[in-house]
């Protein structure tokens, strides 16, 4: 499958993707696709959608793993139901993102969730600058936007930024200790 992807017509792939997303939300010049597994396809996205602005939102490794572990996914992420599997998955994700940073370094921006919560305006301004968008004060009041949101976090986008999820994983820190040890032994900073 991976070998066959080298023979793709990337321009056509981009056109097919744009056609397949037509009709989601309001017609406009931009589409936000926050499918969790998009990180797997950053190389294809880079080739099929030149000029696409990709935002990689990252969280503390244990916060990210805890959030997946405690969630029952309807469409299944089978790795998320075992801390051992989660550790291996997170390590593979981390290594793949390092690979993308090496081979397509200007194709995405890293945004830290904790920094966004701590300094919403500065982080939002940096993000908008990367996306080639101008600043509007309404960016700080995103929760008042009445545009439709077809996402699992639709309720959250109607609330101002809140900090209660930043360290939620710490309530399970003892139970997550084996995961921490595994990640740290493989070079992942969990401090």
Protein backbone atom coordinates (compact mmCIF):
# COMPACT_ATOMS: atom_id res chain seq x y z
CA UNK A 1 0.00 0.00 0.00
CA UNK A 2 2.75 2.49 0.93
CA UNK A 3 4.70 1.62 -2.22
CA UNK A 4 1.61 2.29 -4.36
CA UNK A 5 1.17 5.73 -2.83
CA UNK A 6 4.37 6.87 -4.60
CA UNK A 7 2.54 6.46 -7.91
CA UNK A 8 -0.45 8.61 -6.99
CA UNK A 9 -1.50 11.64 -8.97
CA UNK A 10 -1.25 14.02 -6.02
CA UNK A 11 -2.98 16.90 -7.80
CA UNK A 12 -5.96 14.60 -8.49
CA UNK A 13 -5.89 13.30 -4.91
CA UNK A 14 -6.11 16.90 -3.64
CA UNK A 15 -9.01 17.62 -5.99
CA UNK A 16 -10.86 14.51 -4.85
CA UNK A 17 -10.35 15.49 -1.21
CA UNK A 18 -11.64 19.03 -1.81
CA UNK A 19 -14.68 17.63 -3.65
CA UNK A 20 -15.37 15.11 -0.89
CA UNK A 21 -15.43 17.84 1.75
CA UNK A 22 -17.70 20.20 -0.18
CA UNK A 23 -20.87 20.78 1.76
CA UNK A 24 -19.35 20.44 5.24
CA UNK A 25 -20.34 23.55 7.15
CA UNK A 26 -20.56 26.87 5.36
CA UNK A 27 -19.01 27.26 1.93
CA UNK A 28 -15.82 29.22 2.37
CA UNK A 29 -12.17 29.44 1.49
CA UNK A 30 -11.04 27.26 4.42
CA UNK A 31 -11.91 23.91 5.93
CA UNK A 32 -10.77 22.57 9.28
CA UNK A 33 -10.28 18.82 9.27
CA UNK A 34 -9.31 17.71 12.75
CA UNK A 35 -9.35 13.99 12.14
CA UNK A 36 -7.05 12.59 14.85
CA UNK A 37 -5.08 10.34 12.52
CA UNK A 38 -4.18 13.08 10.02
CA UNK A 39 -0.62 13.07 11.39
CA UNK A 40 -0.12 9.74 9.59
CA UNK A 41 -0.72 11.43 6.24
CA UNK A 42 1.26 14.67 6.53
CA UNK A 43 3.47 13.63 3.62
CA UNK A 44 0.45 12.97 1.39
CA UNK A 45 -1.24 16.17 2.58
CA UNK A 46 1.92 18.10 1.73
CA UNK A 47 1.94 16.69 -1.81
CA UNK A 48 -1.81 16.67 -2.50
CA UNK A 49 -2.72 20.01 -0.95
CA UNK A 50 0.24 22.32 -1.52
CA UNK A 51 -0.13 25.43 0.56
CA UNK A 52 -2.36 23.72 3.12
CA UNK A 53 -1.75 25.07 6.59
CA UNK A 54 -1.50 22.18 9.01
CA UNK A 55 -1.68 22.78 12.74
CA UNK A 56 -0.26 20.09 14.99
CA UNK A 57 -1.79 20.59 18.42
CA UNK A 58 0.18 18.66 20.97
CA UNK A 59 -0.32 18.05 24.66
CA UNK A 60 1.76 16.74 27.52
CA UNK A 61 2.33 13.05 26.65
CA UNK A 62 0.52 11.74 29.75
CA UNK A 63 -2.36 14.18 29.27
CA UNK A 64 -2.75 13.02 25.69
CA UNK A 65 -2.62 9.33 26.58
CA UNK A 66 -4.93 9.74 29.58
CA UNK A 67 -7.49 11.56 27.43
CA UNK A 68 -7.54 8.66 24.96
CA UNK A 69 -7.47 5.98 27.64
CA UNK A 70 -10.52 7.30 29.48
CA UNK A 71 -12.60 7.72 26.31
CA UNK A 72 -14.75 5.00 24.79
CA UNK A 73 -14.35 5.67 21.07
CA UNK A 74 -17.34 4.72 18.99
CA UNK A 75 -15.33 4.11 15.82
CA UNK A 76 -12.49 2.47 17.68
CA UNK A 77 -8.92 3.22 18.46
CA UNK A 78 -8.17 -0.23 19.83
CA UNK A 79 -4.72 0.85 21.06
CA UNK A 80 -6.41 3.26 23.49
CA UNK A 81 -7.75 0.60 25.84
CA UNK A 82 -4.38 -0.62 27.12
CA UNK A 83 -1.70 1.57 28.69
CA UNK A 84 0.98 -0.64 27.14
CA UNK A 85 -0.54 -0.29 23.66
CA UNK A 86 -1.00 3.43 24.23
CA UNK A 87 2.66 3.77 25.12
CA UNK A 88 3.75 2.04 21.93
CA UNK A 89 1.30 4.07 19.87
CA UNK A 90 2.44 7.37 21.42
CA UNK A 91 6.07 6.46 20.80
CA UNK A 92 5.31 5.67 17.12
CA UNK A 93 3.37 8.95 16.80
CA UNK A 94 6.24 10.90 18.38
CA UNK A 95 8.80 9.30 16.05
CA UNK A 96 6.66 9.95 12.98
CA UNK A 97 6.24 13.62 13.92
CA UNK A 98 10.01 13.89 14.32
CA UNK A 99 10.34 12.39 10.83
CA UNK A 100 7.90 14.93 9.37
CA UNK A 101 9.81 17.77 11.07
CA UNK A 102 12.93 16.56 9.26
CA UNK A 103 11.54 15.90 5.76
CA UNK A 104 8.80 18.57 5.49
CA UNK A 105 9.75 21.07 8.19
CA UNK A 106 7.73 24.03 6.92
CA UNK A 107 4.53 22.08 6.25
CA UNK A 108 2.99 22.43 9.69
CA UNK A 109 3.15 24.38 12.91
CA UNK A 110 3.38 22.89 16.39
CA UNK A 111 1.02 24.47 18.92
CA UNK A 112 1.20 23.37 22.53
CA UNK A 113 -2.20 22.98 24.17
CA UNK A 114 -0.86 24.06 27.55
CA UNK A 115 0.62 27.24 26.03
CA UNK A 116 -2.66 28.02 24.26
CA UNK A 117 -4.51 27.73 27.57
CA UNK A 118 -1.86 29.76 29.42
CA UNK A 119 -1.56 32.54 26.81
CA UNK A 120 -4.48 32.36 24.41
CA UNK A 121 -3.86 35.66 22.68
CA UNK A 122 -0.14 35.25 21.91
CA UNK A 123 -0.60 31.65 20.77
CA UNK A 124 -3.63 32.57 18.66
CA UNK A 125 -1.74 35.44 17.04
CA UNK A 126 1.16 33.11 16.16
CA UNK A 127 -1.30 30.58 14.73
CA UNK A 128 -3.15 33.17 12.64
CA UNK A 129 0.13 34.55 11.35
CA UNK A 130 1.16 31.06 10.23
CA UNK A 131 -2.20 30.60 8.50
CA UNK A 132 -1.93 33.96 6.74
CA UNK A 133 -5.00 35.30 8.52
CA UNK A 134 -5.43 38.70 10.07
CA UNK A 135 -6.12 39.20 13.75
CA UNK A 136 -9.65 39.95 14.95
CA UNK A 137 -10.58 40.48 18.58
CA UNK A 138 -13.35 37.93 18.04
CA UNK A 139 -10.62 35.27 18.02
CA UNK A 140 -10.54 35.56 21.80
CA UNK A 141 -14.31 35.04 21.92
CA UNK A 142 -14.46 32.05 19.55
CA UNK A 143 -17.08 30.46 21.79
CA UNK A 144 -19.59 33.14 20.74
CA UNK A 145 -19.34 32.16 17.06
CA UNK A 146 -22.61 30.58 15.97
CA UNK A 147 -21.16 28.71 12.98
CA UNK A 148 -21.99 25.00 13.01
CA UNK A 149 -19.47 22.62 14.52
CA UNK A 150 -19.73 18.98 13.47
CA UNK A 151 -17.26 17.59 15.97
CA UNK A 152 -17.20 15.45 19.07
CA UNK A 153 -16.11 18.54 20.98
CA UNK A 154 -19.03 20.68 19.77
CA UNK A 155 -19.99 21.54 23.36
CA UNK A 156 -16.43 22.57 24.21
CA UNK A 157 -16.18 25.03 21.30
CA UNK A 158 -19.09 26.92 22.83
CA UNK A 159 -17.14 27.56 26.05
CA UNK A 160 -14.25 29.97 26.64
CA UNK A 161 -10.83 28.37 26.99
CA UNK A 162 -10.59 26.62 30.35
CA UNK A 163 -7.65 25.14 32.21
CA UNK A 164 -9.33 22.24 34.02
CA UNK A 165 -8.20 19.67 31.42
CA UNK A 166 -4.54 20.67 31.44
CA UNK A 167 -3.53 18.58 34.45
CA UNK A 168 -6.52 16.26 34.71
CA UNK A 169 -4.21 13.30 34.14
CA UNK A 170 -2.48 14.03 37.46
CA UNK A 171 -5.47 12.61 39.34
CA UNK A 172 -4.38 9.24 37.90
CA UNK A 173 -0.64 9.83 38.10
CA UNK A 174 0.02 6.70 40.17
CA UNK A 175 -1.91 4.49 37.73
CA UNK A 176 -0.11 6.12 34.78
CA UNK A 177 3.34 5.54 36.29
CA UNK A 178 4.11 2.43 34.15
CA UNK A 179 3.24 4.46 31.05
CA UNK A 180 5.47 7.32 32.22
CA UNK A 181 8.38 4.93 32.80
CA UNK A 182 7.94 3.38 29.35
CA UNK A 183 7.76 6.74 27.58
CA UNK A 184 10.70 8.23 29.46
CA UNK A 185 12.83 5.11 28.84
CA UNK A 186 12.22 5.73 25.15
CA UNK A 187 13.23 9.38 25.22
CA UNK A 188 9.84 11.04 25.70
CA UNK A 189 9.95 13.95 28.16
CA UNK A 190 7.12 13.54 30.67
CA UNK A 191 8.26 16.20 33.13
